[in-house]
Amino acid sequence: LPPDEQTKAPLNERNVFNIKLNSANGILIEGDVRDNMNGLKDELKDFILNKGKDPQSSESPEKAIISLKTNRGTDYRRFIEVLDEIKGAYYQIYGNRVGLTSLEYRSLKLDNPTQKAIYDRGKKGIPMNISIAEPD
């Protein structure tokens, strides 16, 4: 079959926060080699919530994209650890917006209309934009 035709919107690199994992499970965050993920959640939250203040960071929460790229040799466990950090940053943002911890926010029952309204209010205007690129 012919490939699907997709239109690609122009992407401003400023709106992309890059995280790369190599085959030895080393981590490269925004071009810096790291020994660990200490402070990553705070960096992600600052990036997502920048709202154009820092010209080196995202223009808005709607445009912020967290890109996670691995190598074929990356351990699955390491991939999940990093993905959990990324999602954890988003859940902290959402919870803070509605006065809950990230765990309380994630525990909201979406079949309960009151709790669903709180959940939607937490996420409003801040989509969880995570790009997981195909491994090298």
Protein backbone atom coordinates (compact mmCIF):
# COMPACT_ATOMS: atom_id res chain seq x y z
CA LEU A 1 0.00 0.00 0.00
CA PRO A 2 1.17 3.54 -0.57
CA PRO A 3 2.19 5.40 2.59
CA ASP A 4 -0.40 7.52 4.32
CA GLU A 5 -0.12 11.14 3.39
CA GLN A 6 0.55 13.16 6.47
CA THR A 7 0.87 16.86 6.79
CA LYS A 8 3.62 17.97 9.10
CA ALA A 9 3.18 21.20 10.96
CA PRO A 10 6.34 23.27 11.29
CA LEU A 11 8.11 22.40 14.52
CA ASN A 12 10.00 25.00 16.50
CA GLU A 13 12.95 23.23 18.18
CA ARG A 14 12.50 25.48 21.18
CA ASN A 15 9.32 23.55 21.95
CA VAL A 16 11.09 20.17 22.10
CA PHE A 17 12.80 18.87 25.25
CA ASN A 18 15.13 16.05 24.16
CA ILE A 19 15.99 13.01 26.24
CA LYS A 20 18.11 10.24 24.72
CA LEU A 21 19.09 6.87 26.14
CA ASN A 22 22.01 4.92 24.72
CA SER A 23 22.67 1.17 24.64
CA ALA A 24 24.56 1.38 27.97
CA ASN A 25 21.50 3.09 29.54
CA GLY A 26 23.35 6.40 29.68
CA ILE A 27 21.14 9.46 29.57
CA LEU A 28 21.56 12.61 27.53
CA ILE A 29 19.21 15.42 28.58
CA GLU A 30 19.08 18.46 26.34
CA GLY A 31 22.59 17.66 25.12
CA ASP A 32 24.09 17.16 28.59
CA VAL A 33 25.35 13.76 29.71
CA ARG A 34 23.87 12.87 33.11
CA ASP A 35 24.76 10.24 35.68
CA ASN A 36 21.20 10.18 37.01
CA MET A 37 17.79 11.77 36.62
CA ASN A 38 17.97 13.99 39.70
CA GLY A 39 16.00 17.16 39.07
CA LEU A 40 14.54 15.95 35.77
CA LYS A 41 10.91 16.36 36.86
CA ASP A 42 11.54 19.97 37.88
CA GLU A 43 13.31 20.69 34.58
CA LEU A 44 10.40 19.20 32.67
CA LYS A 45 7.83 21.19 34.65
CA ASP A 46 9.79 24.42 34.06
CA PHE A 47 9.99 23.61 30.34
CA ILE A 48 6.29 22.79 30.00
CA LEU A 49 5.10 25.79 32.04
CA ASN A 50 7.56 28.30 30.56
CA LYS A 51 4.87 30.18 28.59
CA GLY A 52 7.48 31.94 26.46
CA LYS A 53 9.40 33.57 29.35
CA ASP A 54 12.72 31.83 28.64
CA PRO A 55 13.58 31.99 24.92
CA GLN A 56 15.43 28.66 25.27
CA SER A 57 12.30 26.90 26.53
CA SER A 58 8.80 26.16 25.26
CA GLU A 59 6.51 28.86 23.94
CA SER A 60 3.47 27.41 25.71
CA PRO A 61 2.27 24.25 27.46
CA GLU A 62 0.21 23.39 24.37
CA LYS A 63 3.31 23.42 22.16
CA ALA A 64 5.73 21.76 24.60
CA ILE A 65 6.85 18.30 23.46
CA ILE A 66 8.96 15.90 25.47
CA SER A 67 10.95 13.71 23.07
CA LEU A 68 12.28 10.37 24.32
CA LYS A 69 14.61 8.47 22.02
CA THR A 70 16.30 5.19 22.82
CA ASN A 71 18.87 2.89 21.29
CA ARG A 72 18.00 -0.70 20.40
CA GLY A 73 20.24 -1.83 23.29
CA THR A 74 18.53 0.33 25.92
CA ASP A 75 17.09 -1.75 28.75
CA TYR A 76 13.32 -1.72 28.84
CA ARG A 77 13.47 -1.02 32.58
CA ARG A 78 15.51 2.16 31.97
CA PHE A 79 13.06 3.27 29.29
CA ILE A 80 10.15 2.84 31.73
CA GLU A 81 12.03 4.70 34.50
CA VAL A 82 12.50 7.72 32.25
CA LEU A 83 8.96 7.55 30.89
CA ASP A 84 7.66 7.45 34.47
CA GLU A 85 9.67 10.60 35.28
CA ILE A 86 8.17 12.37 32.27
CA LYS A 87 4.61 11.35 33.07
CA GLY A 88 5.22 12.12 36.75
CA ALA A 89 6.11 15.70 35.85
CA TYR A 90 2.84 16.11 33.97
CA TYR A 91 0.83 14.56 36.81
CA GLN A 92 2.47 16.89 39.32
CA ILE A 93 1.47 19.84 37.15
CA TYR A 94 -2.10 18.57 36.81
CA GLY A 95 -2.43 17.80 40.52
CA ASN A 96 -1.01 21.17 41.58
CA ARG A 97 -3.55 22.95 39.39
CA VAL A 98 -6.43 21.39 41.32
CA GLY A 99 -4.88 21.24 44.78
CA LEU A 100 -4.02 17.53 44.78
CA THR A 101 -0.82 15.51 44.91
CA SER A 102 0.10 13.70 41.71
CA LEU A 103 -0.92 10.39 43.32
CA GLU A 104 -4.31 11.79 44.37
CA TYR A 105 -4.80 13.20 40.88
CA ARG A 106 -3.96 9.88 39.23
CA SER A 107 -6.39 8.12 41.60
CA LEU A 108 -9.39 10.18 40.50
CA LYS A 109 -12.25 7.98 39.30
CA LEU A 110 -13.13 9.04 35.77
CA ASP A 111 -16.53 7.33 35.95
CA ASN A 112 -17.48 9.75 38.76
CA PRO A 113 -18.67 13.03 37.14
CA THR A 114 -17.35 15.21 39.96
CA GLN A 115 -13.91 13.60 39.91
CA LYS A 116 -13.86 13.59 36.09
CA ALA A 117 -14.48 17.37 36.14
CA ILE A 118 -11.51 17.82 38.50
CA TYR A 119 -9.38 15.60 36.24
CA ASP A 120 -10.34 17.60 33.14
CA ARG A 121 -9.67 20.91 34.93
CA GLY A 122 -6.17 19.72 35.86
CA LYS A 123 -5.29 18.82 32.26
CA LYS A 124 -7.00 21.74 30.56
CA GLY A 125 -4.63 23.48 28.16
CA ILE A 126 -1.68 21.24 29.02
CA PRO A 127 -1.71 18.14 26.82
CA MET A 128 0.68 15.32 27.69
CA ASN A 129 2.81 15.68 24.54
CA ILE A 130 5.33 12.84 24.69
CA SER A 131 7.07 11.78 21.51
CA ILE A 132 8.66 8.36 21.66
CA ALA A 133 10.93 8.06 18.66
CA GLU A 134 11.80 4.77 17.06
CA PRO A 135 15.09 3.40 18.43
CA ASP A 136 18.35 3.72 16.52
